Amino acid sequence: MSAAAPAWRPGDARSDSHSMLRVDQAGEYGATRIYAGQLAVLGEHHPMSGEIGRMAAQEKEHLQHFDALLAERGVRPTLLQPFWAVAGHVLGATTALIGPQAAMACTAAVEDEIDAHYAEQLAALGDSDPELSARIARFQADEREHRDIALAAGAETTPAYPLIYSAIRTGCRIAIELSKRI
């Protein structure tokens, strides 16, 4: 009796697609948690709260799309989701505690990394999955808009901006790699 072949292997198109969906769902979930942390500190009456709330609503919409795609395509979410729930909220709250510009520095760094990540995914997908490519392209445009809003709101005026920006982008890269696999 021979052993059954696995349903997919690393490097297979299905495996790559599942990895993309897993990490995208995790990223959108993390973004909702970051914005929740920012709003928890800044409150609903801060001048930036309306804009942060609008960005949070878009991230929630992105998350709902990826949740649906995971269910539709039989992809499990990352096992790290409970960790990302806490880490995202702490990151958002901590940067907001530093100040609204630091919260926007966080947004700029995260959205720059997600923009680059989505660009890599679109290149990898090519014409293989038009539905997923269309969603990623649409969400990438939203992420770029969030970054531009953050920059216009003074993200770069944050003390130690280059350090904060680099640290957050590095953290995002690590989160992306872990969420692809776990």
N, C-alpha and C. Protein backbone atom coordinates (compact mmCIF):
# COMPACT_ATOMS: atom_id res chain seq x y z
N MET A 1 0.85 -1.18 0.00
CA MET A 1 0.00 0.00 0.00
C MET A 1 0.90 1.24 0.00
N SER A 2 0.71 2.12 -0.95
CA SER A 2 1.54 3.32 -1.02
C SER A 2 0.90 4.46 -0.25
N ALA A 3 1.75 5.33 0.24
CA ALA A 3 1.27 6.49 0.99
C ALA A 3 0.62 7.47 0.02
N ALA A 4 -0.44 8.08 0.45
CA ALA A 4 -1.13 9.08 -0.38
C ALA A 4 -0.26 10.32 -0.51
N ALA A 5 -0.25 10.88 -1.69
CA ALA A 5 0.49 12.12 -1.91
C ALA A 5 -0.19 13.26 -1.19
N PRO A 6 0.58 14.21 -0.67
CA PRO A 6 -0.05 15.35 -0.01
C PRO A 6 -0.88 16.15 -0.99
N ALA A 7 -1.88 16.81 -0.48
CA ALA A 7 -2.76 17.63 -1.32
C ALA A 7 -1.98 18.75 -2.01
N TRP A 8 -0.95 19.23 -1.38
CA TRP A 8 -0.12 20.26 -1.96
C TRP A 8 1.27 20.18 -1.34
N ARG A 9 2.21 20.74 -2.04
CA ARG A 9 3.59 20.78 -1.55
C ARG A 9 4.08 22.21 -1.60
N PRO A 10 5.03 22.59 -0.71
CA PRO A 10 5.59 23.94 -0.80
C PRO A 10 6.11 24.19 -2.21
N GLY A 11 5.80 25.35 -2.72
CA GLY A 11 6.19 25.72 -4.07
C GLY A 11 5.10 25.47 -5.10
N ASP A 12 4.11 24.63 -4.77
CA ASP A 12 2.98 24.42 -5.66
C ASP A 12 2.14 25.69 -5.70
N ALA A 13 1.45 25.90 -6.81
CA ALA A 13 0.63 27.10 -6.94
C ALA A 13 -0.39 27.20 -5.83
N ARG A 14 -1.02 26.05 -5.48
CA ARG A 14 -2.04 26.08 -4.42
C ARG A 14 -1.41 26.48 -3.09
N SER A 15 -0.24 25.93 -2.79
CA SER A 15 0.46 26.27 -1.56
C SER A 15 0.78 27.76 -1.52
N ASP A 16 1.27 28.28 -2.64
CA ASP A 16 1.61 29.70 -2.70
C ASP A 16 0.37 30.57 -2.53
N SER A 17 -0.72 30.18 -3.17
CA SER A 17 -1.97 30.92 -3.04
C SER A 17 -2.48 30.89 -1.60
N HIS A 18 -2.41 29.73 -0.97
CA HIS A 18 -2.84 29.62 0.43
C HIS A 18 -1.97 30.49 1.33
N SER A 19 -0.68 30.49 1.09
CA SER A 19 0.24 31.31 1.86
C SER A 19 -0.09 32.79 1.70
N MET A 20 -0.38 33.20 0.46
CA MET A 20 -0.74 34.59 0.20
C MET A 20 -2.00 34.98 0.95
N LEU A 21 -3.00 34.14 0.86
CA LEU A 21 -4.26 34.45 1.54
C LEU A 21 -4.07 34.49 3.05
N ARG A 22 -3.31 33.54 3.57
CA ARG A 22 -3.08 33.48 5.02
C ARG A 22 -2.41 34.76 5.51
N VAL A 23 -1.36 35.16 4.82
CA VAL A 23 -0.61 36.34 5.27
C VAL A 23 -1.41 37.62 5.04
N ASP A 24 -2.19 37.68 3.97
CA ASP A 24 -2.99 38.88 3.71
C ASP A 24 -4.09 39.03 4.76
N GLN A 25 -4.73 37.92 5.10
CA GLN A 25 -5.76 37.97 6.14
C GLN A 25 -5.12 38.40 7.47
N ALA A 26 -3.96 37.84 7.78
CA ALA A 26 -3.27 38.19 9.03
C ALA A 26 -2.89 39.67 9.04
N GLY A 27 -2.41 40.16 7.91
CA GLY A 27 -2.02 41.57 7.83
C GLY A 27 -3.18 42.52 8.01
N GLU A 28 -4.29 42.20 7.37
CA GLU A 28 -5.48 43.05 7.52
C GLU A 28 -6.02 42.97 8.95
N TYR A 29 -5.95 41.79 9.54
CA TYR A 29 -6.36 41.65 10.94
C TYR A 29 -5.46 42.50 11.83
N GLY A 30 -4.15 42.40 11.60
CA GLY A 30 -3.21 43.21 12.39
C GLY A 30 -3.47 44.70 12.23
N ALA A 31 -3.79 45.13 11.01
CA ALA A 31 -4.08 46.55 10.77
C ALA A 31 -5.30 47.01 11.57
N THR A 32 -6.34 46.16 11.61
CA THR A 32 -7.52 46.55 12.40
C THR A 32 -7.16 46.70 13.87
N ARG A 33 -6.25 45.86 14.35
CA ARG A 33 -5.83 45.91 15.75
C ARG A 33 -4.96 47.14 16.02
N ILE A 34 -4.11 47.50 15.07
CA ILE A 34 -3.28 48.71 15.23
C ILE A 34 -4.17 49.93 15.35
N TYR A 35 -5.13 50.05 14.44
CA TYR A 35 -6.03 51.21 14.49
C TYR A 35 -6.88 51.21 15.74
N ALA A 36 -7.28 50.04 16.20
CA ALA A 36 -8.04 49.95 17.46
C ALA A 36 -7.20 50.45 18.62
N GLY A 37 -5.93 50.10 18.64
CA GLY A 37 -5.03 50.59 19.69
C GLY A 37 -4.84 52.09 19.63
N GLN A 38 -4.69 52.62 18.43
CA GLN A 38 -4.55 54.07 18.28
C GLN A 38 -5.79 54.79 18.77
N LEU A 39 -6.95 54.30 18.37
CA LEU A 39 -8.20 54.95 18.78
C LEU A 39 -8.46 54.81 20.28
N ALA A 40 -8.01 53.70 20.86
CA ALA A 40 -8.19 53.51 22.31
C ALA A 40 -7.43 54.57 23.09
N VAL A 41 -6.29 54.99 22.57
CA VAL A 41 -5.48 56.01 23.25
C VAL A 41 -5.94 57.42 22.89
N LEU A 42 -6.14 57.67 21.61
CA LEU A 42 -6.48 59.03 21.16
C LEU A 42 -7.93 59.40 21.48
N GLY A 43 -8.80 58.40 21.55
CA GLY A 43 -10.21 58.68 21.82
C GLY A 43 -10.93 59.15 20.57
N GLU A 44 -12.22 59.23 20.68
CA GLU A 44 -13.01 59.57 19.50
C GLU A 44 -13.06 61.07 19.20
N HIS A 45 -12.58 61.90 20.12
CA HIS A 45 -12.67 63.36 19.92
C HIS A 45 -11.37 63.98 19.43
N HIS A 46 -10.32 63.20 19.29
CA HIS A 46 -9.05 63.74 18.79
C HIS A 46 -9.22 64.12 17.32
N PRO A 47 -8.56 65.18 16.86
CA PRO A 47 -8.70 65.59 15.46
C PRO A 47 -8.35 64.50 14.44
N MET A 48 -7.47 63.57 14.78
CA MET A 48 -7.08 62.50 13.86
C MET A 48 -8.02 61.30 13.93
N SER A 49 -8.88 61.25 14.93
CA SER A 49 -9.71 60.06 15.14
C SER A 49 -10.65 59.76 13.98
N GLY A 50 -11.20 60.76 13.37
CA GLY A 50 -12.09 60.54 12.24
C GLY A 50 -11.37 59.87 11.09
N GLU A 51 -10.18 60.37 10.79
CA GLU A 51 -9.39 59.79 9.69
C GLU A 51 -8.93 58.38 10.04
N ILE A 52 -8.48 58.19 11.27
CA ILE A 52 -8.07 56.85 11.70
C ILE A 52 -9.26 55.90 11.64
N GLY A 53 -10.42 56.35 12.06
CA GLY A 53 -11.63 55.53 12.00
C GLY A 53 -12.00 55.14 10.59
N ARG A 54 -11.81 56.07 9.65
CA ARG A 54 -12.11 55.78 8.24
C ARG A 54 -11.14 54.73 7.70
N MET A 55 -9.84 54.89 8.05
CA MET A 55 -8.86 53.90 7.60
C MET A 55 -9.15 52.54 8.24
N ALA A 56 -9.53 52.55 9.50
CA ALA A 56 -9.87 51.31 10.20
C ALA A 56 -11.05 50.61 9.53
N ALA A 57 -12.03 51.38 9.10
CA ALA A 57 -13.20 50.80 8.42
C ALA A 57 -12.79 50.14 7.11
N GLN A 58 -11.88 50.76 6.37
CA GLN A 58 -11.40 50.15 5.13
C GLN A 58 -10.64 48.86 5.43
N GLU A 59 -9.82 48.87 6.48
CA GLU A 59 -9.09 47.65 6.85
C GLU A 59 -10.06 46.55 7.26
N LYS A 60 -11.12 46.91 7.93
CA LYS A 60 -12.13 45.92 8.32
C LYS A 60 -12.78 45.32 7.07
N GLU A 61 -13.05 46.15 6.08
CA GLU A 61 -13.61 45.66 4.82
C GLU A 61 -12.63 44.69 4.15
N HIS A 62 -11.33 45.06 4.12
CA HIS A 62 -10.32 44.18 3.54
C HIS A 62 -10.30 42.84 4.28
N LEU A 63 -10.33 42.92 5.61
CA LEU A 63 -10.31 41.71 6.43
C LEU A 63 -11.51 40.82 6.12
N GLN A 64 -12.68 41.41 5.98
CA GLN A 64 -13.88 40.62 5.68
C GLN A 64 -13.74 39.90 4.33
N HIS A 65 -13.15 40.57 3.35
CA HIS A 65 -12.93 39.92 2.05
C HIS A 65 -11.97 38.74 2.19
N PHE A 66 -10.87 38.94 2.93
CA PHE A 66 -9.91 37.84 3.08
C PHE A 66 -10.47 36.72 3.96
N ASP A 67 -11.26 37.07 4.98
CA ASP A 67 -11.93 36.03 5.77
C ASP A 67 -12.81 35.15 4.87
N ALA A 68 -13.55 35.81 3.99
CA ALA A 68 -14.44 35.08 3.08
C ALA A 68 -13.63 34.21 2.11
N LEU A 69 -12.53 34.74 1.60
CA LEU A 69 -11.70 33.96 0.68
C LEU A 69 -11.07 32.76 1.38
N LEU A 70 -10.63 32.94 2.61
CA LEU A 70 -10.08 31.81 3.36
C LEU A 70 -11.12 30.71 3.50
N ALA A 71 -12.33 31.08 3.87
CA ALA A 71 -13.40 30.09 4.03
C ALA A 71 -13.74 29.44 2.68
N GLU A 72 -13.86 30.25 1.66
CA GLU A 72 -14.23 29.75 0.32
C GLU A 72 -13.19 28.79 -0.24
N ARG A 73 -11.92 29.09 0.01
CA ARG A 73 -10.84 28.30 -0.57
C ARG A 73 -10.25 27.26 0.39
N GLY A 74 -10.82 27.17 1.57
CA GLY A 74 -10.37 26.16 2.52
C GLY A 74 -8.98 26.40 3.08
N VAL A 75 -8.66 27.66 3.34
CA VAL A 75 -7.35 28.02 3.88
C VAL A 75 -7.50 28.36 5.35
N ARG A 76 -6.66 27.79 6.18
CA ARG A 76 -6.72 28.13 7.60
C ARG A 76 -5.99 29.45 7.85
N PRO A 77 -6.46 30.22 8.81
CA PRO A 77 -5.73 31.45 9.16
C PRO A 77 -4.43 31.08 9.89
N THR A 78 -3.57 32.03 10.02
CA THR A 78 -2.33 31.80 10.75
C THR A 78 -2.63 31.40 12.19
N LEU A 79 -1.82 30.52 12.70
CA LEU A 79 -1.94 30.12 14.11
C LEU A 79 -1.47 31.23 15.04
N LEU A 80 -0.82 32.22 14.48
CA LEU A 80 -0.29 33.35 15.27
C LEU A 80 -1.32 34.46 15.49
N GLN A 81 -2.52 34.28 15.01
CA GLN A 81 -3.53 35.35 15.10
C GLN A 81 -3.71 35.88 16.52
N PRO A 82 -3.76 35.04 17.56
CA PRO A 82 -3.88 35.60 18.92
C PRO A 82 -2.71 36.51 19.28
N PHE A 83 -1.54 36.15 18.82
CA PHE A 83 -0.36 37.00 19.08
C PHE A 83 -0.49 38.32 18.33
N TRP A 84 -0.91 38.26 17.06
CA TRP A 84 -1.06 39.49 16.26
C TRP A 84 -2.14 40.40 16.86
N ALA A 85 -3.15 39.81 17.48
CA ALA A 85 -4.20 40.62 18.12
C ALA A 85 -3.60 41.52 19.19
N VAL A 86 -2.75 40.94 20.02
CA VAL A 86 -2.12 41.69 21.10
C VAL A 86 -1.04 42.62 20.55
N ALA A 87 -0.18 42.09 19.70
CA ALA A 87 0.93 42.88 19.17
C ALA A 87 0.44 44.09 18.39
N GLY A 88 -0.59 43.90 17.56
CA GLY A 88 -1.12 45.02 16.79
C GLY A 88 -1.71 46.10 17.69
N HIS A 89 -2.49 45.69 18.67
CA HIS A 89 -3.10 46.66 19.58
C HIS A 89 -2.02 47.40 20.37
N VAL A 90 -1.03 46.69 20.86
CA VAL A 90 0.06 47.31 21.63
C VAL A 90 0.83 48.29 20.74
N LEU A 91 1.12 47.89 19.51
CA LEU A 91 1.84 48.79 18.60
C LEU A 91 1.05 50.07 18.35
N GLY A 92 -0.24 49.92 18.07
CA GLY A 92 -1.07 51.11 17.83
C GLY A 92 -1.17 51.99 19.06
N ALA A 93 -1.40 51.38 20.21
CA ALA A 93 -1.54 52.16 21.45
C ALA A 93 -0.23 52.83 21.84
N THR A 94 0.87 52.10 21.70
CA THR A 94 2.18 52.66 22.08
C THR A 94 2.55 53.85 21.22
N THR A 95 2.36 53.72 19.92
CA THR A 95 2.71 54.85 19.06
C THR A 95 1.78 56.03 19.32
N ALA A 96 0.51 55.77 19.59
CA ALA A 96 -0.42 56.86 19.90
C ALA A 96 -0.06 57.52 21.23
N LEU A 97 0.43 56.74 22.18
CA LEU A 97 0.87 57.33 23.45
C LEU A 97 2.05 58.28 23.25
N ILE A 98 2.91 57.97 22.31
CA ILE A 98 4.02 58.87 21.99
C ILE A 98 3.47 60.17 21.43
N GLY A 99 2.42 60.06 20.65
CA GLY A 99 1.78 61.24 20.07
C GLY A 99 1.11 60.90 18.76
N PRO A 100 0.22 61.78 18.30
CA PRO A 100 -0.50 61.50 17.05
C PRO A 100 0.42 61.38 15.84
N GLN A 101 1.52 62.14 15.82
CA GLN A 101 2.44 62.01 14.69
C GLN A 101 3.12 60.65 14.72
N ALA A 102 3.42 60.13 15.90
CA ALA A 102 4.02 58.79 16.00
C ALA A 102 3.02 57.73 15.55
N ALA A 103 1.75 57.91 15.87
CA ALA A 103 0.73 56.99 15.38
C ALA A 103 0.71 57.01 13.86
N MET A 104 0.86 58.19 13.27
CA MET A 104 0.89 58.30 11.82
C MET A 104 2.20 57.74 11.25
N ALA A 105 3.30 57.85 12.00
CA ALA A 105 4.55 57.23 11.58
C ALA A 105 4.38 55.71 11.51
N CYS A 106 3.67 55.16 12.47
CA CYS A 106 3.36 53.74 12.47
C CYS A 106 2.56 53.39 11.22
N THR A 107 1.54 54.16 10.95
CA THR A 107 0.71 53.91 9.77
C THR A 107 1.54 53.99 8.49
N ALA A 108 2.38 55.00 8.38
CA ALA A 108 3.21 55.15 7.17
C ALA A 108 4.12 53.94 6.99
N ALA A 109 4.75 53.49 8.05
CA ALA A 109 5.66 52.35 7.96
C ALA A 109 4.92 51.07 7.59
N VAL A 110 3.82 50.81 8.27
CA VAL A 110 3.05 49.59 7.99
C VAL A 110 2.55 49.61 6.55
N GLU A 111 1.98 50.72 6.14
CA GLU A 111 1.39 50.78 4.80
C GLU A 111 2.45 50.74 3.71
N ASP A 112 3.65 51.31 3.94
CA ASP A 112 4.73 51.17 2.96
C ASP A 112 5.12 49.70 2.80
N GLU A 113 5.21 49.00 3.91
CA GLU A 113 5.59 47.58 3.84
C GLU A 113 4.50 46.77 3.16
N ILE A 114 3.25 47.05 3.45
CA ILE A 114 2.15 46.31 2.82
C ILE A 114 2.07 46.63 1.33
N ASP A 115 2.32 47.87 0.96
CA ASP A 115 2.35 48.24 -0.46
C ASP A 115 3.40 47.40 -1.19
N ALA A 116 4.60 47.31 -0.63
CA ALA A 116 5.67 46.52 -1.24
C ALA A 116 5.29 45.04 -1.28
N HIS A 117 4.70 44.56 -0.20
CA HIS A 117 4.28 43.15 -0.12
C HIS A 117 3.21 42.84 -1.17
N TYR A 118 2.22 43.70 -1.30
CA TYR A 118 1.18 43.48 -2.30
C TYR A 118 1.77 43.54 -3.72
N ALA A 119 2.72 44.43 -3.95
CA ALA A 119 3.36 44.51 -5.27
C ALA A 119 4.07 43.19 -5.61
N GLU A 120 4.75 42.60 -4.63
CA GLU A 120 5.41 41.31 -4.84
C GLU A 120 4.38 40.23 -5.15
N GLN A 121 3.28 40.24 -4.41
CA GLN A 121 2.24 39.24 -4.65
C GLN A 121 1.64 39.39 -6.05
N LEU A 122 1.37 40.60 -6.46
CA LEU A 122 0.79 40.81 -7.79
C LEU A 122 1.74 40.32 -8.88
N ALA A 123 3.04 40.57 -8.70
CA ALA A 123 4.02 40.09 -9.67
C ALA A 123 4.05 38.55 -9.69
N ALA A 124 3.98 37.95 -8.52
CA ALA A 124 4.01 36.48 -8.43
C ALA A 124 2.75 35.85 -9.02
N LEU A 125 1.62 36.50 -8.81
CA LEU A 125 0.36 35.95 -9.32
C LEU A 125 0.26 36.03 -10.83
N GLY A 126 0.77 37.11 -11.40
CA GLY A 126 0.62 37.30 -12.84
C GLY A 126 -0.84 37.20 -13.22
N ASP A 127 -1.15 36.34 -14.19
CA ASP A 127 -2.53 36.14 -14.65
C ASP A 127 -3.16 34.89 -14.06
N SER A 128 -2.51 34.27 -13.07
CA SER A 128 -2.96 32.96 -12.58
C SER A 128 -4.24 33.00 -11.75
N ASP A 129 -4.52 34.12 -11.10
CA ASP A 129 -5.70 34.20 -10.24
C ASP A 129 -6.28 35.62 -10.34
N PRO A 130 -7.02 35.90 -11.41
CA PRO A 130 -7.51 37.27 -11.65
C PRO A 130 -8.35 37.82 -10.50
N GLU A 131 -9.16 36.99 -9.86
CA GLU A 131 -10.00 37.45 -8.75
C GLU A 131 -9.14 37.94 -7.59
N LEU A 132 -8.16 37.13 -7.20
CA LEU A 132 -7.28 37.53 -6.10
C LEU A 132 -6.45 38.74 -6.48
N SER A 133 -5.94 38.76 -7.70
CA SER A 133 -5.14 39.92 -8.16
C SER A 133 -5.94 41.21 -8.10
N ALA A 134 -7.19 41.15 -8.53
CA ALA A 134 -8.03 42.35 -8.52
C ALA A 134 -8.25 42.86 -7.10
N ARG A 135 -8.49 41.94 -6.17
CA ARG A 135 -8.70 42.36 -4.77
C ARG A 135 -7.43 42.96 -4.19
N ILE A 136 -6.31 42.29 -4.44
CA ILE A 136 -5.04 42.80 -3.91
C ILE A 136 -4.74 44.17 -4.48
N ALA A 137 -4.94 44.36 -5.78
CA ALA A 137 -4.68 45.67 -6.40
C ALA A 137 -5.56 46.75 -5.80
N ARG A 138 -6.83 46.44 -5.56
CA ARG A 138 -7.74 47.42 -4.96
C ARG A 138 -7.31 47.77 -3.55
N PHE A 139 -6.97 46.75 -2.77
CA PHE A 139 -6.56 46.99 -1.39
C PHE A 139 -5.21 47.71 -1.34
N GLN A 140 -4.33 47.41 -2.28
CA GLN A 140 -3.04 48.10 -2.34
C GLN A 140 -3.24 49.61 -2.54
N ALA A 141 -4.19 49.98 -3.37
CA ALA A 141 -4.49 51.40 -3.57
C ALA A 141 -4.97 52.05 -2.27
N ASP A 142 -5.79 51.33 -1.51
CA ASP A 142 -6.24 51.85 -0.22
C ASP A 142 -5.06 52.03 0.74
N GLU A 143 -4.15 51.05 0.76
CA GLU A 143 -2.99 51.12 1.67
C GLU A 143 -2.10 52.31 1.30
N ARG A 144 -1.93 52.54 0.02
CA ARG A 144 -1.14 53.71 -0.42
C ARG A 144 -1.81 55.00 0.03
N GLU A 145 -3.13 55.04 -0.07
CA GLU A 145 -3.86 56.22 0.38
C GLU A 145 -3.65 56.44 1.89
N HIS A 146 -3.69 55.37 2.66
CA HIS A 146 -3.47 55.47 4.11
C HIS A 146 -2.07 56.02 4.40
N ARG A 147 -1.08 55.52 3.67
CA ARG A 147 0.28 56.03 3.85
C ARG A 147 0.35 57.52 3.54
N ASP A 148 -0.28 57.92 2.44
CA ASP A 148 -0.25 59.33 2.05
C ASP A 148 -0.95 60.21 3.09
N ILE A 149 -2.03 59.72 3.65
CA ILE A 149 -2.73 60.45 4.72
C ILE A 149 -1.82 60.60 5.93
N ALA A 150 -1.14 59.52 6.28
CA ALA A 150 -0.23 59.55 7.44
C ALA A 150 0.91 60.55 7.22
N LEU A 151 1.46 60.56 6.03
CA LEU A 151 2.55 61.50 5.74
C LEU A 151 2.04 62.93 5.77
N ALA A 152 0.86 63.17 5.21
CA ALA A 152 0.28 64.52 5.23
C ALA A 152 -0.05 64.97 6.64
N ALA A 153 -0.31 64.03 7.54
CA ALA A 153 -0.64 64.35 8.93
C ALA A 153 0.59 64.54 9.80
N GLY A 154 1.77 64.47 9.22
CA GLY A 154 2.97 64.77 9.99
C GLY A 154 3.77 63.59 10.48
N ALA A 155 3.60 62.44 9.88
CA ALA A 155 4.33 61.24 10.32
C ALA A 155 5.83 61.49 10.40
N GLU A 156 6.36 62.16 9.39
CA GLU A 156 7.82 62.36 9.32
C GLU A 156 8.33 63.38 10.33
N THR A 157 7.44 64.09 11.01
CA THR A 157 7.87 65.05 12.04
C THR A 157 8.06 64.38 13.40
N THR A 158 7.75 63.09 13.49
CA THR A 158 7.91 62.35 14.74
C THR A 158 9.38 62.32 15.12
N PRO A 159 9.70 62.64 16.38
CA PRO A 159 11.09 62.48 16.81
C PRO A 159 11.55 61.03 16.57
N ALA A 160 12.75 60.88 16.05
CA ALA A 160 13.34 59.57 15.75
C ALA A 160 12.55 58.82 14.67
N TYR A 161 11.92 59.58 13.77
CA TYR A 161 11.12 58.96 12.71
C TYR A 161 11.86 57.85 11.97
N PRO A 162 13.08 58.07 11.50
CA PRO A 162 13.74 56.99 10.75
C PRO A 162 13.89 55.70 11.58
N LEU A 163 14.14 55.84 12.85
CA LEU A 163 14.29 54.67 13.71
C LEU A 163 12.95 53.95 13.90
N ILE A 164 11.91 54.71 14.21
CA ILE A 164 10.57 54.14 14.41
C ILE A 164 10.09 53.48 13.11
N TYR A 165 10.23 54.21 12.02
CA TYR A 165 9.81 53.72 10.71
C TYR A 165 10.52 52.40 10.36
N SER A 166 11.83 52.37 10.51
CA SER A 166 12.60 51.16 10.19
C SER A 166 12.25 50.00 11.09
N ALA A 167 12.08 50.26 12.38
CA ALA A 167 11.76 49.19 13.32
C ALA A 167 10.39 48.58 13.00
N ILE A 168 9.44 49.43 12.70
CA ILE A 168 8.08 48.93 12.40
C ILE A 168 8.09 48.16 11.08
N ARG A 169 8.79 48.65 10.07
CA ARG A 169 8.85 47.92 8.80
C ARG A 169 9.53 46.57 8.97
N THR A 170 10.59 46.53 9.78
CA THR A 170 11.25 45.26 10.05
C THR A 170 10.31 44.31 10.76
N GLY A 171 9.57 44.81 11.74
CA GLY A 171 8.58 43.99 12.43
C GLY A 171 7.53 43.45 11.48
N CYS A 172 7.10 44.27 10.54
CA CYS A 172 6.11 43.83 9.54
C CYS A 172 6.68 42.71 8.67
N ARG A 173 7.93 42.85 8.25
CA ARG A 173 8.55 41.81 7.42
C ARG A 173 8.60 40.48 8.17
N ILE A 174 8.96 40.55 9.44
CA ILE A 174 9.01 39.33 10.26
C ILE A 174 7.61 38.73 10.39
N ALA A 175 6.61 39.58 10.66
CA ALA A 175 5.23 39.10 10.79
C ALA A 175 4.75 38.45 9.50
N ILE A 176 5.10 39.03 8.36
CA ILE A 176 4.71 38.48 7.07
C ILE A 176 5.32 37.09 6.89
N GLU A 177 6.59 36.97 7.12
CA GLU A 177 7.25 35.67 6.93
C GLU A 177 6.71 34.62 7.88
N LEU A 178 6.48 34.97 9.13
CA LEU A 178 5.93 34.01 10.08
C LEU A 178 4.50 33.60 9.71
N SER A 179 3.69 34.57 9.31
CA SER A 179 2.29 34.28 9.00
C SER A 179 2.15 33.43 7.73
N LYS A 180 3.09 33.53 6.82
CA LYS A 180 3.05 32.69 5.62
C LYS A 180 3.15 31.21 6.01
N ARG A 181 3.96 30.93 7.03
CA ARG A 181 4.33 29.56 7.34
C ARG A 181 3.55 28.93 8.48
N ILE A 182 3.16 29.75 9.42
CA ILE A 182 2.58 29.18 10.66
C ILE A 182 1.08 29.42 10.70
